[in-house]
Every structure is written in C-alpha cells, then in structure tokens.
C-alpha cells in the first residue's frame, strides 16, 4: 500500500514502524499523510537516514 513505512521492526518485545531514507531523501505527500495518521493513532513512524540513526534507534528502543 502506498505510503506505509518500509519496515516493521520487532525489537525489545515491541513493534516499530520504520522508514528508511537517504540523507537527502524526501517523504512523498502520501507518506506524510499516512505517517501522520499512524502517529495520531498511537503508532509513530521512525525515519532513519543513516547508520548513526539506526544505532540511536536501537539504543533508544532497548533502554531498560
């Protein structure tokens, strides 16, 4: 379905919605709409643009 995040990540007994973009990659208008709707429903989307973003995402989501 157009606009949905690229990945479902199962980490630390949780499901995370993840969109992978290049450093200068832009969200499509449809992605902005869908991501906003998901966030409003309590399912925030993580947009990761670099290896550092991925490491930070893992650190933040595995904090005890």
N, C-alpha and C. Protein backbone atom coordinates (compact mmCIF):
# COMPACT_ATOMS: atom_id res chain seq x y z
N UNK A 1 0.85 -1.18 0.00
CA UNK A 1 0.00 0.00 0.00
C UNK A 1 0.89 1.24 0.00
N UNK A 2 0.61 2.15 -0.86
CA UNK A 2 1.41 3.37 -0.97
C UNK A 2 1.37 4.16 0.33
N UNK A 3 2.54 4.61 0.76
CA UNK A 3 2.62 5.47 1.93
C UNK A 3 2.94 4.79 3.23
N UNK A 4 2.88 3.47 3.28
CA UNK A 4 3.16 2.78 4.54
C UNK A 4 4.68 2.70 4.74
N UNK A 5 5.14 2.62 5.99
CA UNK A 5 6.58 2.54 6.26
C UNK A 5 7.21 1.31 5.62
N UNK A 6 8.52 1.42 5.36
CA UNK A 6 9.27 0.34 4.72
C UNK A 6 9.33 -0.93 5.54
N UNK A 7 9.50 -0.78 6.83
CA UNK A 7 9.81 -1.94 7.67
C UNK A 7 8.99 -1.97 8.95
N UNK A 8 8.70 -3.20 9.37
CA UNK A 8 8.23 -3.46 10.73
C UNK A 8 9.42 -4.06 11.46
N UNK A 9 9.82 -3.44 12.55
CA UNK A 9 10.97 -3.91 13.31
C UNK A 9 10.47 -4.43 14.65
N UNK A 10 10.78 -5.68 14.93
CA UNK A 10 10.42 -6.30 16.19
C UNK A 10 11.65 -6.24 17.08
N UNK A 11 11.57 -5.41 18.13
CA UNK A 11 12.73 -5.16 18.98
C UNK A 11 12.26 -4.93 20.40
N UNK A 12 12.86 -5.65 21.32
CA UNK A 12 12.56 -5.46 22.74
C UNK A 12 11.07 -5.68 23.03
N UNK A 13 10.51 -6.72 22.43
CA UNK A 13 9.10 -7.08 22.61
C UNK A 13 8.13 -5.99 22.17
N UNK A 14 8.54 -5.19 21.20
CA UNK A 14 7.69 -4.15 20.64
C UNK A 14 7.80 -4.16 19.12
N UNK A 15 6.77 -3.63 18.48
CA UNK A 15 6.78 -3.47 17.03
C UNK A 15 6.99 -1.98 16.73
N UNK A 16 7.95 -1.69 15.87
CA UNK A 16 8.26 -0.31 15.50
C UNK A 16 8.08 -0.17 13.99
N UNK A 17 7.49 0.94 13.57
CA UNK A 17 7.33 1.25 12.15
C UNK A 17 8.51 2.11 11.72
N UNK A 18 9.23 1.66 10.70
CA UNK A 18 10.47 2.33 10.31
C UNK A 18 10.46 2.63 8.81
N UNK A 19 10.81 3.85 8.49
CA UNK A 19 11.01 4.27 7.10
C UNK A 19 12.50 4.55 6.92
N UNK A 20 13.09 3.95 5.90
CA UNK A 20 14.50 4.16 5.59
C UNK A 20 14.61 5.14 4.43
N UNK A 21 15.38 6.18 4.64
CA UNK A 21 15.59 7.21 3.61
C UNK A 21 17.08 7.52 3.51
N UNK A 22 17.49 8.00 2.35
CA UNK A 22 18.85 8.51 2.22
C UNK A 22 18.92 9.84 2.96
N UNK A 23 20.13 10.36 3.09
CA UNK A 23 20.31 11.63 3.82
C UNK A 23 19.47 12.75 3.23
N UNK A 24 19.30 12.77 1.91
CA UNK A 24 18.52 13.84 1.30
C UNK A 24 17.18 13.35 0.74
N UNK A 25 16.81 12.11 1.08
CA UNK A 25 15.54 11.56 0.61
C UNK A 25 14.35 12.27 1.24
N UNK A 26 13.33 12.48 0.45
CA UNK A 26 12.14 13.19 0.93
C UNK A 26 10.96 12.23 1.03
N UNK A 27 10.10 12.51 1.98
CA UNK A 27 8.85 11.76 2.09
C UNK A 27 7.91 12.23 1.00
N UNK A 28 7.17 11.30 0.44
CA UNK A 28 6.15 11.67 -0.54
C UNK A 28 4.97 12.29 0.21
N UNK A 29 4.14 13.05 -0.47
CA UNK A 29 2.94 13.60 0.19
C UNK A 29 2.09 12.49 0.81
N UNK A 30 1.98 11.36 0.14
CA UNK A 30 1.20 10.24 0.67
C UNK A 30 1.83 9.70 1.96
N UNK A 31 3.16 9.60 1.99
CA UNK A 31 3.83 9.15 3.21
C UNK A 31 3.59 10.10 4.36
N UNK A 32 3.67 11.38 4.11
CA UNK A 32 3.41 12.37 5.17
C UNK A 32 2.01 12.16 5.74
N UNK A 33 1.04 12.00 4.88
CA UNK A 33 -0.35 11.79 5.31
C UNK A 33 -0.48 10.51 6.13
N UNK A 34 0.02 9.41 5.60
CA UNK A 34 -0.11 8.11 6.29
C UNK A 34 0.66 8.12 7.61
N UNK A 35 1.88 8.66 7.61
CA UNK A 35 2.68 8.69 8.85
C UNK A 35 1.99 9.54 9.91
N UNK A 36 1.40 10.66 9.51
CA UNK A 36 0.65 11.49 10.46
C UNK A 36 -0.55 10.72 11.02
N UNK A 37 -1.26 10.02 10.17
CA UNK A 37 -2.42 9.23 10.63
C UNK A 37 -1.97 8.13 11.58
N UNK A 38 -0.88 7.47 11.26
CA UNK A 38 -0.37 6.42 12.15
C UNK A 38 0.04 7.01 13.50
N UNK A 39 0.72 8.15 13.47
CA UNK A 39 1.13 8.81 14.72
C UNK A 39 -0.05 9.20 15.58
N UNK A 40 -1.09 9.74 14.95
CA UNK A 40 -2.30 10.13 15.68
C UNK A 40 -3.00 8.92 16.30
N UNK A 41 -2.83 7.76 15.68
CA UNK A 41 -3.44 6.53 16.20
C UNK A 41 -2.53 5.85 17.24
N UNK A 42 -1.40 6.48 17.56
CA UNK A 42 -0.51 5.93 18.58
C UNK A 42 0.59 5.05 18.04
N UNK A 43 0.84 5.13 16.73
CA UNK A 43 1.88 4.32 16.10
C UNK A 43 2.88 5.23 15.38
N UNK A 44 3.80 5.84 16.13
CA UNK A 44 4.75 6.75 15.49
C UNK A 44 5.66 6.00 14.52
N UNK A 45 6.07 6.69 13.46
CA UNK A 45 6.97 6.13 12.47
C UNK A 45 8.36 6.73 12.69
N UNK A 46 9.35 5.88 12.75
CA UNK A 46 10.74 6.32 12.89
C UNK A 46 11.34 6.46 11.50
N UNK A 47 11.89 7.63 11.18
CA UNK A 47 12.52 7.86 9.88
C UNK A 47 14.02 7.85 10.11
N UNK A 48 14.68 6.86 9.53
CA UNK A 48 16.11 6.66 9.73
C UNK A 48 16.84 6.96 8.43
N UNK A 49 17.87 7.82 8.52
CA UNK A 49 18.56 8.28 7.32
C UNK A 49 20.03 7.89 7.27
N UNK A 50 20.56 7.30 8.32
CA UNK A 50 21.99 6.98 8.34
C UNK A 50 22.24 5.82 9.31
N UNK A 51 23.44 5.30 9.23
CA UNK A 51 23.83 4.26 10.16
C UNK A 51 23.76 4.78 11.60
N UNK A 52 24.15 6.03 11.81
CA UNK A 52 24.07 6.63 13.15
C UNK A 52 22.62 6.68 13.64
N UNK A 53 21.68 7.00 12.74
CA UNK A 53 20.26 7.00 13.10
C UNK A 53 19.82 5.61 13.55
N UNK A 54 20.29 4.59 12.83
CA UNK A 54 19.92 3.21 13.18
C UNK A 54 20.47 2.85 14.55
N UNK A 55 21.73 3.19 14.81
CA UNK A 55 22.31 2.91 16.13
C UNK A 55 21.55 3.62 17.24
N UNK A 56 21.21 4.89 17.02
CA UNK A 56 20.45 5.66 18.01
C UNK A 56 19.07 5.05 18.24
N UNK A 57 18.41 4.65 17.17
CA UNK A 57 17.10 4.00 17.27
C UNK A 57 17.20 2.75 18.14
N UNK A 58 18.20 1.93 17.90
CA UNK A 58 18.37 0.70 18.68
C UNK A 58 18.67 1.04 20.14
N UNK A 59 19.55 2.01 20.38
CA UNK A 59 19.86 2.41 21.76
C UNK A 59 18.61 2.88 22.49
N UNK A 60 17.84 3.74 21.85
CA UNK A 60 16.66 4.32 22.49
C UNK A 60 15.56 3.27 22.73
N UNK A 61 15.39 2.34 21.82
CA UNK A 61 14.31 1.38 21.95
C UNK A 61 14.66 0.20 22.83
N UNK A 62 15.93 0.07 23.19
CA UNK A 62 16.32 -1.05 24.07
C UNK A 62 16.70 -0.58 25.46
N UNK A 63 16.48 0.69 25.76
CA UNK A 63 16.75 1.17 27.12
C UNK A 63 15.89 0.43 28.12
N UNK A 64 16.46 0.14 29.25
CA UNK A 64 15.70 -0.56 30.31
C UNK A 64 15.05 0.43 31.24
